[in-house]
C-alpha atoms as a PDB file:
ATOM      1  CA  UNK A   1     -25.412  -5.351   2.356  1.00  0.00           C
ATOM      2  CA  UNK A   2     -22.689  -2.955   1.321  1.00  0.00           C
ATOM      3  CA  UNK A   3     -23.252  -1.645  -2.206  1.00  0.00           C
ATOM      4  CA  UNK A   4     -20.710  -0.307  -4.620  1.00  0.00           C
ATOM      5  CA  UNK A   5     -21.749   3.142  -5.722  1.00  0.00           C
ATOM      6  CA  UNK A   6     -20.632   4.324  -9.119  1.00  0.00           C
ATOM      7  CA  UNK A   7     -22.252   7.632  -9.856  1.00  0.00           C
ATOM      8  CA  UNK A   8     -22.488   9.627 -13.034  1.00  0.00           C
ATOM      9  CA  UNK A   9     -23.671  13.162 -13.896  1.00  0.00           C
ATOM     10  CA  UNK A  10     -27.423  13.572 -14.251  1.00  0.00           C
ATOM     11  CA  UNK A  11     -28.769  14.010 -17.753  1.00  0.00           C
ATOM     12  CA  UNK A  12     -26.098  11.880 -19.357  1.00  0.00           C
ATOM     13  CA  UNK A  13     -27.157  11.006 -22.899  1.00  0.00           C
ATOM     14  CA  UNK A  14     -24.259   9.637 -24.921  1.00  0.00           C
ATOM     15  CA  UNK A  15     -20.687  10.313 -23.846  1.00  0.00           C
ATOM     16  CA  UNK A  16     -18.690  11.637 -20.930  1.00  0.00           C
ATOM     17  CA  UNK A  17     -15.026  11.787 -19.991  1.00  0.00           C
ATOM     18  CA  UNK A  18     -15.054  10.588 -16.403  1.00  0.00           C
ATOM     19  CA  UNK A  19     -17.290   9.409 -13.616  1.00  0.00           C
ATOM     20  CA  UNK A  20     -17.134   9.613  -9.847  1.00  0.00           C
ATOM     21  CA  UNK A  21     -16.489   6.303  -8.124  1.00  0.00           C
ATOM     22  CA  UNK A  22     -17.122   5.213  -4.549  1.00  0.00           C
ATOM     23  CA  UNK A  23     -16.521   1.802  -2.968  1.00  0.00           C
ATOM     24  CA  UNK A  24     -18.327   1.627   0.363  1.00  0.00           C
ATOM     25  CA  UNK A  25     -18.368  -0.845   3.215  1.00  0.00           C
ATOM     26  CA  UNK A  26     -20.398   0.729   5.998  1.00  0.00           C
ATOM     27  CA  UNK A  27     -22.691  -1.313   8.215  1.00  0.00           C
ATOM     28  CA  UNK A  28     -24.329  -0.851  11.635  1.00  0.00           C
ATOM     29  CA  UNK A  29     -22.743  -4.121  12.783  1.00  0.00           C
ATOM     30  CA  UNK A  30     -19.865  -2.339  14.554  1.00  0.00           C
ATOM     31  CA  UNK A  31     -17.011  -4.234  16.137  1.00  0.00           C
ATOM     32  CA  UNK A  32     -13.790  -3.068  17.686  1.00  0.00           C
ATOM     33  CA  UNK A  33     -11.540  -5.080  15.382  1.00  0.00           C
ATOM     34  CA  UNK A  34      -8.073  -3.852  16.308  1.00  0.00           C
ATOM     35  CA  UNK A  35      -5.869  -1.057  17.595  1.00  0.00           C
ATOM     36  CA  UNK A  36      -3.194   0.834  15.683  1.00  0.00           C
ATOM     37  CA  UNK A  37       0.018   2.078  17.331  1.00  0.00           C
ATOM     38  CA  UNK A  38       3.792   1.813  17.091  1.00  0.00           C
ATOM     39  CA  UNK A  39       4.797  -1.227  14.984  1.00  0.00           C
ATOM     40  CA  UNK A  40       1.217  -2.552  14.936  1.00  0.00           C
ATOM     41  CA  UNK A  41      -0.110  -1.687  11.486  1.00  0.00           C
ATOM     42  CA  UNK A  42      -3.519  -2.617  10.043  1.00  0.00           C
ATOM     43  CA  UNK A  43      -4.748  -3.174   6.500  1.00  0.00           C
ATOM     44  CA  UNK A  44      -7.967  -3.647   4.554  1.00  0.00           C
ATOM     45  CA  UNK A  45      -7.659  -5.245   1.138  1.00  0.00           C
ATOM     46  CA  UNK A  46     -10.069  -4.418  -1.662  1.00  0.00           C
ATOM     47  CA  UNK A  47     -10.545  -5.098  -5.358  1.00  0.00           C
ATOM     48  CA  UNK A  48     -10.868  -2.381  -7.993  1.00  0.00           C
ATOM     49  CA  UNK A  49     -14.229  -2.940  -9.726  1.00  0.00           C
ATOM     50  CA  UNK A  50     -13.165  -0.841 -12.717  1.00  0.00           C
ATOM     51  CA  UNK A  51      -9.955   0.941 -13.707  1.00  0.00           C
ATOM     52  CA  UNK A  52      -9.954   4.266 -11.868  1.00  0.00           C
ATOM     53  CA  UNK A  53      -7.774   6.984 -10.373  1.00  0.00           C
ATOM     54  CA  UNK A  54      -7.989   6.871  -6.580  1.00  0.00           C
ATOM     55  CA  UNK A  55      -8.388  10.281  -4.948  1.00  0.00           C
ATOM     56  CA  UNK A  56      -9.124   9.599  -1.269  1.00  0.00           C
ATOM     57  CA  UNK A  57     -10.246   7.061   1.321  1.00  0.00           C
ATOM     58  CA  UNK A  58     -12.256   7.182   4.543  1.00  0.00           C
ATOM     59  CA  UNK A  59     -11.726   4.864   7.490  1.00  0.00           C
ATOM     60  CA  UNK A  60     -13.901   4.630  10.625  1.00  0.00           C
ATOM     61  CA  UNK A  61     -11.847   5.005  13.804  1.00  0.00           C
ATOM     62  CA  UNK A  62     -12.070   6.138  17.395  1.00  0.00           C
ATOM     63  CA  UNK A  63      -9.997   6.866  20.478  1.00  0.00           C
ATOM     64  CA  UNK A  64      -8.503   3.640  21.756  1.00  0.00           C
ATOM     65  CA  UNK A  65      -6.703   5.166  24.729  1.00  0.00           C
ATOM     66  CA  UNK A  66      -4.929   8.333  25.777  1.00  0.00           C
ATOM     67  CA  UNK A  67      -4.081  10.783  23.019  1.00  0.00           C
ATOM     68  CA  UNK A  68      -4.122   8.990  19.653  1.00  0.00           C
ATOM     69  CA  UNK A  69      -1.130   9.773  17.412  1.00  0.00           C
ATOM     70  CA  UNK A  70      -1.023  11.027  13.837  1.00  0.00           C
ATOM     71  CA  UNK A  71      -2.315   8.505  11.317  1.00  0.00           C
ATOM     72  CA  UNK A  72      -0.775   7.517   7.983  1.00  0.00           C
ATOM     73  CA  UNK A  73      -2.896   5.906   5.279  1.00  0.00           C
ATOM     74  CA  UNK A  74      -1.289   4.346   2.216  1.00  0.00           C
ATOM     75  CA  UNK A  75      -2.448   2.388  -0.802  1.00  0.00           C
ATOM     76  CA  UNK A  76      -0.187  -0.622  -1.368  1.00  0.00           C
ATOM     77  CA  UNK A  77       0.013  -3.382  -3.940  1.00  0.00           C
ATOM     78  CA  UNK A  78      -0.615  -7.010  -2.924  1.00  0.00           C
ATOM     79  CA  UNK A  79       1.622 -10.051  -3.148  1.00  0.00           C
ATOM     80  CA  UNK A  80       0.654 -13.524  -4.363  1.00  0.00           C
ATOM     81  CA  UNK A  81      -1.002 -14.276  -1.017  1.00  0.00           C
ATOM     82  CA  UNK A  82      -3.118 -11.101  -1.206  1.00  0.00           C
ATOM     83  CA  UNK A  83      -1.089  -9.465   1.556  1.00  0.00           C
ATOM     84  CA  UNK A  84       0.244  -5.896   1.368  1.00  0.00           C
ATOM     85  CA  UNK A  85       3.674  -5.409  -0.141  1.00  0.00           C
ATOM     86  CA  UNK A  86       6.070  -2.579   0.706  1.00  0.00           C
ATOM     87  CA  UNK A  87       5.233  -0.917  -2.627  1.00  0.00           C
ATOM     88  CA  UNK A  88       3.305   2.243  -1.777  1.00  0.00           C
ATOM     89  CA  UNK A  89       1.301   3.888  -4.555  1.00  0.00           C
ATOM     90  CA  UNK A  90       0.230   6.927  -2.541  1.00  0.00           C
ATOM     91  CA  UNK A  91       0.375   8.102   1.077  1.00  0.00           C
ATOM     92  CA  UNK A  92      -1.199  10.684   3.389  1.00  0.00           C
ATOM     93  CA  UNK A  93      -0.386  11.509   7.032  1.00  0.00           C
ATOM     94  CA  UNK A  94      -2.686  13.645   9.150  1.00  0.00           C
ATOM     95  CA  UNK A  95      -3.739  14.281  12.735  1.00  0.00           C
ATOM     96  CA  UNK A  96      -6.080  11.737  14.294  1.00  0.00           C
ATOM     97  CA  UNK A  97      -9.779  12.530  14.030  1.00  0.00           C
ATOM     98  CA  UNK A  98     -12.511  10.341  15.511  1.00  0.00           C
ATOM     99  CA  UNK A  99     -15.342   9.278  13.222  1.00  0.00           C
ATOM    100  CA  UNK A 100     -14.743   8.570   9.544  1.00  0.00           C
ATOM    101  CA  UNK A 101     -11.983  10.983   8.527  1.00  0.00           C
ATOM    102  CA  UNK A 102     -11.056  11.402   4.877  1.00  0.00           C
ATOM    103  CA  UNK A 103      -7.483  11.010   3.663  1.00  0.00           C
ATOM    104  CA  UNK A 104      -7.181  13.071   0.479  1.00  0.00           C
ATOM    105  CA  UNK A 105      -4.179  12.132  -1.641  1.00  0.00           C
ATOM    106  CA  UNK A 106      -1.968  14.704  -3.376  1.00  0.00           C
ATOM    107  CA  UNK A 107      -1.549  12.412  -6.385  1.00  0.00           C
ATOM    108  CA  UNK A 108      -4.085  10.059  -7.968  1.00  0.00           C
ATOM    109  CA  UNK A 109      -2.531   6.764  -9.076  1.00  0.00           C
ATOM    110  CA  UNK A 110      -4.520   4.515 -11.399  1.00  0.00           C
ATOM    111  CA  UNK A 111      -5.863   1.265  -9.968  1.00  0.00           C
ATOM    112  CA  UNK A 112      -6.568  -1.534 -12.448  1.00  0.00           C
ATOM    113  CA  UNK A 113      -9.910  -3.289 -12.803  1.00  0.00           C
ATOM    114  CA  UNK A 114      -9.991  -6.679 -11.077  1.00  0.00           C
ATOM    115  CA  UNK A 115      -6.698  -6.140  -9.247  1.00  0.00           C
ATOM    116  CA  UNK A 116      -6.436  -6.211  -5.465  1.00  0.00           C
ATOM    117  CA  UNK A 117      -4.899  -3.456  -3.352  1.00  0.00           C
ATOM    118  CA  UNK A 118      -4.501  -2.681   0.342  1.00  0.00           C
ATOM    119  CA  UNK A 119      -5.372   0.335   2.417  1.00  0.00           C
ATOM    120  CA  UNK A 120      -2.684   0.318   5.103  1.00  0.00           C
ATOM    121  CA  UNK A 121      -3.053   2.311   8.307  1.00  0.00           C
ATOM    122  CA  UNK A 122      -0.095   3.029  10.574  1.00  0.00           C
ATOM    123  CA  UNK A 123       0.276   5.090  13.734  1.00  0.00           C
ATOM    124  CA  UNK A 124       4.012   4.916  14.533  1.00  0.00           C
ATOM    125  CA  UNK A 125       3.852   7.736  17.086  1.00  0.00           C
ATOM    126  CA  UNK A 126       1.507   5.798  19.371  1.00  0.00           C
ATOM    127  CA  UNK A 127       2.148   3.319  22.157  1.00  0.00           C
ATOM    128  CA  UNK A 128       0.275   0.982  24.490  1.00  0.00           C
ATOM    129  CA  UNK A 129      -1.246   3.961  26.293  1.00  0.00           C
ATOM    130  CA  UNK A 130      -2.014   6.135  23.259  1.00  0.00           C
ATOM    131  CA  UNK A 131      -3.585   4.421  20.255  1.00  0.00           C
ATOM    132  CA  UNK A 132      -6.275   4.445  17.599  1.00  0.00           C
ATOM    133  CA  UNK A 133      -9.158   1.956  17.649  1.00  0.00           C
ATOM    134  CA  UNK A 134     -10.436   0.725  14.271  1.00  0.00           C
ATOM    135  CA  UNK A 135     -14.071  -0.233  13.742  1.00  0.00           C
ATOM    136  CA  UNK A 136     -15.424  -2.935  11.460  1.00  0.00           C
ATOM    137  CA  UNK A 137     -17.873  -5.774  11.008  1.00  0.00           C
ATOM    138  CA  UNK A 138     -18.015  -9.540  10.695  1.00  0.00           C
ATOM    139  CA  UNK A 139     -21.061  -9.734   8.424  1.00  0.00           C
ATOM    140  CA  UNK A 140     -18.996 -10.775   5.370  1.00  0.00           C
ATOM    141  CA  UNK A 141     -20.985  -8.342   3.216  1.00  0.00           C
ATOM    142  CA  UNK A 142     -17.908  -7.127   1.335  1.00  0.00           C
ATOM    143  CA  UNK A 143     -16.493  -9.896  -0.842  1.00  0.00           C
ATOM    144  CA  UNK A 144     -13.643  -7.960  -2.427  1.00  0.00           C
ATOM    145  CA  UNK A 145     -11.097  -8.267   0.367  1.00  0.00           C
ATOM    146  CA  UNK A 146     -10.483  -8.617   4.088  1.00  0.00           C
ATOM    147  CA  UNK A 147      -8.496  -7.584   7.140  1.00  0.00           C
ATOM    148  CA  UNK A 148      -4.866  -8.278   7.990  1.00  0.00           C
ATOM    149  CA  UNK A 149      -2.399  -7.061  10.634  1.00  0.00           C
ATOM    150  CA  UNK A 150       1.332  -6.523  10.950  1.00  0.00           C
ATOM    151  CA  UNK A 151       3.345  -6.470  14.170  1.00  0.00           C
ATOM    152  CA  UNK A 152       6.606  -5.337  12.557  1.00  0.00           C
ATOM    153  CA  UNK A 153       5.767  -2.092  10.749  1.00  0.00           C
ATOM    154  CA  UNK A 154       4.601  -3.773   7.573  1.00  0.00           C
ATOM    155  CA  UNK A 155       7.596  -6.063   7.052  1.00  0.00           C
ATOM    156  CA  UNK A 156       5.286  -9.093   7.289  1.00  0.00           C
ATOM    157  CA  UNK A 157       1.529  -9.608   7.465  1.00  0.00           C
ATOM    158  CA  UNK A 158      -0.809 -12.202   8.934  1.00  0.00           C
ATOM    159  CA  UNK A 159      -3.453 -14.186   7.105  1.00  0.00           C
ATOM    160  CA  UNK A 160      -6.112 -12.053   5.421  1.00  0.00           C
ATOM    161  CA  UNK A 161      -9.367 -12.579   7.349  1.00  0.00           C
ATOM    162  CA  UNK A 162     -12.057 -12.444   4.667  1.00  0.00           C
ATOM    163  CA  UNK A 163     -14.917 -12.720   7.180  1.00  0.00           C
ATOM    164  CA  UNK A 164     -13.895  -9.392   8.730  1.00  0.00           C
ATOM    165  CA  UNK A 165     -13.822  -5.939   7.182  1.00  0.00           C
ATOM    166  CA  UNK A 166     -13.061  -2.483   8.447  1.00  0.00           C
ATOM    167  CA  UNK A 167     -15.595   0.260   7.780  1.00  0.00           C
ATOM    168  CA  UNK A 168     -14.173   2.175   4.844  1.00  0.00           C
ATOM    169  CA  UNK A 169     -14.861   4.148   1.713  1.00  0.00           C
ATOM    170  CA  UNK A 170     -12.730   4.544  -1.411  1.00  0.00           C
ATOM    171  CA  UNK A 171     -13.171   7.491  -3.774  1.00  0.00           C
ATOM    172  CA  UNK A 172     -11.847   8.082  -7.242  1.00  0.00           C
ATOM    173  CA  UNK A 173     -12.514   8.935 -10.864  1.00  0.00           C
ATOM    174  CA  UNK A 174     -13.143   6.140 -13.324  1.00  0.00           C
ATOM    175  CA  UNK A 175     -11.630   5.943 -16.777  1.00  0.00           C
ATOM    176  CA  UNK A 176     -13.628   7.234 -19.709  1.00  0.00           C
ATOM    177  CA  UNK A 177     -16.733   5.352 -20.741  1.00  0.00           C
ATOM    178  CA  UNK A 178     -17.790   6.135 -24.306  1.00  0.00           C
ATOM    179  CA  UNK A 179     -21.375   4.922 -24.309  1.00  0.00           C
ATOM    180  CA  UNK A 180     -24.197   5.588 -21.857  1.00  0.00           C
ATOM    181  CA  UNK A 181     -25.177   1.917 -21.991  1.00  0.00           C
ATOM    182  CA  UNK A 182     -21.758   1.029 -20.560  1.00  0.00           C
ATOM    183  CA  UNK A 183     -22.236   3.695 -17.912  1.00  0.00           C
ATOM    184  CA  UNK A 184     -25.539   2.186 -16.854  1.00  0.00           C
ATOM    185  CA  UNK A 185     -23.859  -1.208 -16.481  1.00  0.00           C
ATOM    186  CA  UNK A 186     -21.262   0.336 -14.167  1.00  0.00           C
ATOM    187  CA  UNK A 187     -23.822   2.069 -11.984  1.00  0.00           C
ATOM    188  CA  UNK A 188     -25.602  -1.208 -11.259  1.00  0.00           C
ATOM    189  CA  UNK A 189     -22.565  -3.128 -10.027  1.00  0.00           C
ATOM    190  CA  UNK A 190     -22.846  -4.433  -6.476  1.00  0.00           C
ATOM    191  CA  UNK A 191     -20.685  -5.998  -3.802  1.00  0.00           C
ATOM    192  CA  UNK A 192     -21.456  -9.062  -1.726  1.00  0.00           C
END
């Protein structure tokens, strides 16, 4: 299973101003789900479990072929079909790094509890001989979203496959919680 980790400072008694938040879908059931290059963009949708300010994401990837290009990660809103829109809330471009690289955002937009969003990955500098391979699973352990692909640089997206998920992590800071009892409720939330 892939838990949702919401952590809080140790020794919390009554009140605090913010809490660290982490949404995690990591599993040993690794699959090569898709490749990212040129106009072929990939996305993982997810649902905000609480209202929080997103600070960074991690995405498991490897060398698909040749010399993988720079990678751009964005957080996008979703349309009525739960597909990514062209509305980008935050973006980060960096050199490819195999493993689970972190994309740290310069700004921290607020994501709303219960609302779906998309992590979109694009590698426009790549081609059929130089591309990034994205890893994932088909264990359906994450119920808050799924995988979708675009073959036209994000202008349109395919059906969201809810039985597939990339391996990812989302980090942020949750809104204030005024009572430690509420904090305990948040720390016990789970996914799947």
